[in-house]
Amino acid sequence: MNTENKLPILRPEDKPAIPEPADTAAPAGEKASRWKRPETHEEKMLFWMRVTGICAILLAVLAGAAAVMLLLNLSQLGEILSHLNSASVELEEASRQLSQALQSLNNEGLQELYAALEQIQKLDMDSLNRSIESLAKIMEPLSRIFG
């Protein structure tokens, strides 16, 4: 086995202790932070590998939660789709009935309207007015008696 191309395995116990510079030490009375900025290439790689791992875990949890929510709502989605389907069938039926009603109105209603207009045109308005005047003259003495 060729070991020349392999990177050495770093373990925390193999890491040499690097003393913290005096200017970055915590001031007196303050608690020293556990987090220290990565300085070497290996520390930076380890830091970014940890960040990537945490992000991957969070994404997996998010995807799992979304999948569970989708599965739980799948039955509701089927119910909603069935309601939409029945509503569309009812709307088609109502549209068909409305169309038939409008056609019958156009055919029958207009014919009846034209027949009524023809009857009105046949009336002799002058003789109708004379009849109304004579009726008013007859009713005048009756209205004095009862009124």
C-alpha atoms as a PDB file:
ATOM      1  CA  MET A   1       0.000   0.000   0.000  1.00  0.00           C
ATOM      2  CA  ASN A   2       1.301   3.409  -0.975  1.00  0.00           C
ATOM      3  CA  THR A   3       1.289   5.806   1.951  1.00  0.00           C
ATOM      4  CA  GLU A   4       3.018   8.710   0.207  1.00  0.00           C
ATOM      5  CA  ASN A   5      -0.241  10.211  -1.181  1.00  0.00           C
ATOM      6  CA  LYS A   6      -2.265   9.890   2.029  1.00  0.00           C
ATOM      7  CA  LEU A   7      -2.836  12.833   4.309  1.00  0.00           C
ATOM      8  CA  PRO A   8      -1.910  12.327   7.943  1.00  0.00           C
ATOM      9  CA  ILE A   9      -4.786  11.718  10.339  1.00  0.00           C
ATOM     10  CA  LEU A  10      -5.005  14.480  12.899  1.00  0.00           C
ATOM     11  CA  ARG A  11      -6.227  13.725  16.364  1.00  0.00           C
ATOM     12  CA  PRO A  12      -6.799  16.273  19.103  1.00  0.00           C
ATOM     13  CA  GLU A  13      -4.200  14.640  21.331  1.00  0.00           C
ATOM     14  CA  ASP A  14      -1.569  14.854  18.539  1.00  0.00           C
ATOM     15  CA  LYS A  15      -2.081  18.583  18.117  1.00  0.00           C
ATOM     16  CA  PRO A  16       0.695  20.634  19.654  1.00  0.00           C
ATOM     17  CA  ALA A  17      -0.385  23.127  22.254  1.00  0.00           C
ATOM     18  CA  ILE A  18      -0.266  26.645  20.896  1.00  0.00           C
ATOM     19  CA  PRO A  19      -0.119  29.274  23.598  1.00  0.00           C
ATOM     20  CA  GLU A  20      -2.629  32.083  23.222  1.00  0.00           C
ATOM     21  CA  PRO A  21      -1.034  35.451  22.545  1.00  0.00           C
ATOM     22  CA  ALA A  22      -1.194  37.924  25.374  1.00  0.00           C
ATOM     23  CA  ASP A  23      -3.104  40.519  23.335  1.00  0.00           C
ATOM     24  CA  THR A  24      -6.029  38.127  22.628  1.00  0.00           C
ATOM     25  CA  ALA A  25      -6.400  36.869  26.182  1.00  0.00           C
ATOM     26  CA  ALA A  26      -9.651  37.721  27.933  1.00  0.00           C
ATOM     27  CA  PRO A  27      -9.496  40.833  30.082  1.00  0.00           C
ATOM     28  CA  ALA A  28      -9.506  40.415  33.818  1.00  0.00           C
ATOM     29  CA  GLY A  29     -12.971  39.703  35.211  1.00  0.00           C
ATOM     30  CA  GLU A  30     -14.380  38.342  31.910  1.00  0.00           C
ATOM     31  CA  LYS A  31     -14.878  34.684  31.167  1.00  0.00           C
ATOM     32  CA  ALA A  32     -12.641  33.339  28.395  1.00  0.00           C
ATOM     33  CA  SER A  33     -14.524  32.144  25.306  1.00  0.00           C
ATOM     34  CA  ARG A  34     -14.276  28.475  24.239  1.00  0.00           C
ATOM     35  CA  TRP A  35     -14.427  29.409  20.605  1.00  0.00           C
ATOM     36  CA  LYS A  36     -11.192  30.381  19.001  1.00  0.00           C
ATOM     37  CA  ARG A  37     -10.765  31.543  15.439  1.00  0.00           C
ATOM     38  CA  PRO A  38      -9.252  28.813  13.234  1.00  0.00           C
ATOM     39  CA  GLU A  39      -5.788  29.766  12.107  1.00  0.00           C
ATOM     40  CA  THR A  40      -4.215  26.819  10.332  1.00  0.00           C
ATOM     41  CA  HIS A  41      -5.475  25.254   7.126  1.00  0.00           C
ATOM     42  CA  GLU A  42      -6.481  22.083   8.946  1.00  0.00           C
ATOM     43  CA  GLU A  43      -8.431  24.040  11.565  1.00  0.00           C
ATOM     44  CA  LYS A  44     -10.247  25.980   8.854  1.00  0.00           C
ATOM     45  CA  MET A  45     -11.078  22.783   6.986  1.00  0.00           C
ATOM     46  CA  LEU A  46     -12.373  21.177  10.189  1.00  0.00           C
ATOM     47  CA  PHE A  47     -14.451  24.280  10.965  1.00  0.00           C
ATOM     48  CA  TRP A  48     -16.055  24.349   7.503  1.00  0.00           C
ATOM     49  CA  MET A  49     -16.627  20.587   7.566  1.00  0.00           C
ATOM     50  CA  ARG A  50     -18.508  21.002  10.849  1.00  0.00           C
ATOM     51  CA  VAL A  51     -20.543  23.910   9.456  1.00  0.00           C
ATOM     52  CA  THR A  52     -21.350  21.871   6.330  1.00  0.00           C
ATOM     53  CA  GLY A  53     -22.340  18.863   8.432  1.00  0.00           C
ATOM     54  CA  ILE A  54     -24.638  20.925  10.637  1.00  0.00           C
ATOM     55  CA  CYS A  55     -26.246  22.495   7.543  1.00  0.00           C
ATOM     56  CA  ALA A  56     -26.725  19.060   5.979  1.00  0.00           C
ATOM     57  CA  ILE A  57     -28.357  17.752   9.158  1.00  0.00           C
ATOM     58  CA  LEU A  58     -30.660  20.781   9.335  1.00  0.00           C
ATOM     59  CA  LEU A  59     -31.630  20.365   5.676  1.00  0.00           C
ATOM     60  CA  ALA A  60     -32.364  16.670   6.222  1.00  0.00           C
ATOM     61  CA  VAL A  61     -34.570  17.489   9.233  1.00  0.00           C
ATOM     62  CA  LEU A  62     -36.368  20.171   7.219  1.00  0.00           C
ATOM     63  CA  ALA A  63     -36.919  17.826   4.273  1.00  0.00           C
ATOM     64  CA  GLY A  64     -38.219  15.112   6.617  1.00  0.00           C
ATOM     65  CA  ALA A  65     -40.634  17.538   8.273  1.00  0.00           C
ATOM     66  CA  ALA A  66     -41.869  18.705   4.868  1.00  0.00           C
ATOM     67  CA  ALA A  67     -42.375  15.108   3.747  1.00  0.00           C
ATOM     68  CA  VAL A  68     -44.331  14.263   6.912  1.00  0.00           C
ATOM     69  CA  MET A  69     -46.518  17.359   6.502  1.00  0.00           C
ATOM     70  CA  LEU A  70     -47.133  16.485   2.864  1.00  0.00           C
ATOM     71  CA  LEU A  71     -48.131  12.928   3.738  1.00  0.00           C
ATOM     72  CA  LEU A  72     -50.472  14.138   6.473  1.00  0.00           C
ATOM     73  CA  ASN A  73     -52.111  16.660   4.159  1.00  0.00           C
ATOM     74  CA  LEU A  74     -52.379  14.243   1.228  1.00  0.00           C
ATOM     75  CA  SER A  75     -55.777  12.974   2.400  1.00  0.00           C
ATOM     76  CA  GLN A  76     -57.038  16.533   2.752  1.00  0.00           C
ATOM     77  CA  LEU A  77     -55.696  17.314  -0.701  1.00  0.00           C
ATOM     78  CA  GLY A  78     -57.648  14.376  -2.166  1.00  0.00           C
ATOM     79  CA  GLU A  79     -60.804  15.567  -0.422  1.00  0.00           C
ATOM     80  CA  ILE A  80     -60.330  19.101  -1.746  1.00  0.00           C
ATOM     81  CA  LEU A  81     -59.794  17.781  -5.266  1.00  0.00           C
ATOM     82  CA  SER A  82     -62.980  15.697  -5.071  1.00  0.00           C
ATOM     83  CA  HIS A  83     -64.930  18.769  -3.923  1.00  0.00           C
ATOM     84  CA  LEU A  84     -63.475  20.796  -6.793  1.00  0.00           C
ATOM     85  CA  ASN A  85     -64.426  18.068  -9.240  1.00  0.00           C
ATOM     86  CA  SER A  86     -68.042  17.937  -8.012  1.00  0.00           C
ATOM     87  CA  ALA A  87     -68.241  21.742  -8.081  1.00  0.00           C
ATOM     88  CA  SER A  88     -67.014  21.821 -11.672  1.00  0.00           C
ATOM     89  CA  VAL A  89     -69.650  19.225 -12.660  1.00  0.00           C
ATOM     90  CA  GLU A  90     -72.365  21.301 -10.983  1.00  0.00           C
ATOM     91  CA  LEU A  91     -71.124  24.463 -12.716  1.00  0.00           C
ATOM     92  CA  GLU A  92     -71.220  22.733 -16.091  1.00  0.00           C
ATOM     93  CA  GLU A  93     -74.812  21.614 -15.438  1.00  0.00           C
ATOM     94  CA  ALA A  94     -75.844  25.121 -14.334  1.00  0.00           C
ATOM     95  CA  SER A  95     -74.183  26.600 -17.417  1.00  0.00           C
ATOM     96  CA  ARG A  96     -76.044  24.160 -19.668  1.00  0.00           C
ATOM     97  CA  GLN A  97     -79.375  24.952 -17.974  1.00  0.00           C
ATOM     98  CA  LEU A  98     -78.767  28.688 -18.239  1.00  0.00           C
ATOM     99  CA  SER A  99     -77.939  28.339 -21.909  1.00  0.00           C
ATOM    100  CA  GLN A 100     -81.174  26.407 -22.510  1.00  0.00           C
ATOM    101  CA  ALA A 101     -83.193  28.993 -20.563  1.00  0.00           C
ATOM    102  CA  LEU A 102     -81.724  31.836 -22.617  1.00  0.00           C
ATOM    103  CA  GLN A 103     -82.460  30.012 -25.854  1.00  0.00           C
ATOM    104  CA  SER A 104     -86.074  29.357 -24.836  1.00  0.00           C
ATOM    105  CA  LEU A 105     -86.423  32.982 -23.721  1.00  0.00           C
ATOM    106  CA  ASN A 106     -85.115  34.163 -27.062  1.00  0.00           C
ATOM    107  CA  ASN A 107     -87.415  31.845 -29.011  1.00  0.00           C
ATOM    108  CA  GLU A 108     -90.656  31.783 -26.996  1.00  0.00           C
ATOM    109  CA  GLY A 109     -90.448  35.049 -25.082  1.00  0.00           C
ATOM    110  CA  LEU A 110     -89.665  37.167 -28.102  1.00  0.00           C
ATOM    111  CA  GLN A 111     -92.452  35.506 -30.090  1.00  0.00           C
ATOM    112  CA  GLU A 112     -94.953  36.262 -27.316  1.00  0.00           C
ATOM    113  CA  LEU A 113     -93.669  39.834 -27.098  1.00  0.00           C
ATOM    114  CA  TYR A 114     -94.089  40.312 -30.849  1.00  0.00           C
ATOM    115  CA  ALA A 115     -97.643  38.882 -30.671  1.00  0.00           C
ATOM    116  CA  ALA A 116     -98.555  41.319 -27.886  1.00  0.00           C
ATOM    117  CA  LEU A 117     -97.108  44.228 -29.858  1.00  0.00           C
ATOM    118  CA  GLU A 118     -99.152  43.228 -32.889  1.00  0.00           C
ATOM    119  CA  GLN A 119    -102.340  43.201 -30.770  1.00  0.00           C
ATOM    120  CA  ILE A 120    -101.496  46.648 -29.421  1.00  0.00           C
ATOM    121  CA  GLN A 121    -100.884  47.945 -32.930  1.00  0.00           C
ATOM    122  CA  LYS A 122    -104.255  46.586 -34.059  1.00  0.00           C
ATOM    123  CA  LEU A 123    -106.066  48.694 -31.464  1.00  0.00           C
ATOM    124  CA  ASP A 124    -107.730  51.810 -32.769  1.00  0.00           C
ATOM    125  CA  MET A 125    -106.491  54.432 -30.369  1.00  0.00           C
ATOM    126  CA  ASP A 126    -108.999  57.070 -31.416  1.00  0.00           C
ATOM    127  CA  SER A 127    -111.993  54.808 -30.771  1.00  0.00           C
ATOM    128  CA  LEU A 128    -110.410  53.708 -27.467  1.00  0.00           C
ATOM    129  CA  ASN A 129    -110.046  57.331 -26.371  1.00  0.00           C
ATOM    130  CA  ARG A 130    -113.667  58.081 -27.336  1.00  0.00           C
ATOM    131  CA  SER A 131    -114.845  55.041 -25.357  1.00  0.00           C
ATOM    132  CA  ILE A 132    -112.910  56.208 -22.299  1.00  0.00           C
ATOM    133  CA  GLU A 133    -114.467  59.692 -22.564  1.00  0.00           C
ATOM    134  CA  SER A 134    -117.988  58.279 -22.812  1.00  0.00           C
ATOM    135  CA  LEU A 135    -117.301  55.984 -19.843  1.00  0.00           C
ATOM    136  CA  ALA A 136    -116.118  58.983 -17.827  1.00  0.00           C
ATOM    137  CA  LYS A 137    -119.325  60.845 -18.688  1.00  0.00           C
ATOM    138  CA  ILE A 138    -121.422  57.882 -17.537  1.00  0.00           C
ATOM    139  CA  MET A 139    -119.467  57.481 -14.313  1.00  0.00           C
ATOM    140  CA  GLU A 140    -119.704  61.168 -13.363  1.00  0.00           C
ATOM    141  CA  PRO A 141    -123.395  61.062 -12.216  1.00  0.00           C
ATOM    142  CA  LEU A 142    -122.707  57.719 -10.422  1.00  0.00           C
ATOM    143  CA  SER A 143    -119.753  59.196  -8.593  1.00  0.00           C
ATOM    144  CA  ARG A 144    -121.952  62.070  -7.330  1.00  0.00           C
ATOM    145  CA  ILE A 145    -124.490  59.621  -6.006  1.00  0.00           C
ATOM    146  CA  PHE A 146    -121.969  57.394  -4.183  1.00  0.00           C
ATOM    147  CA  GLY A 147    -119.341  59.912  -3.537  1.00  0.00           C
END
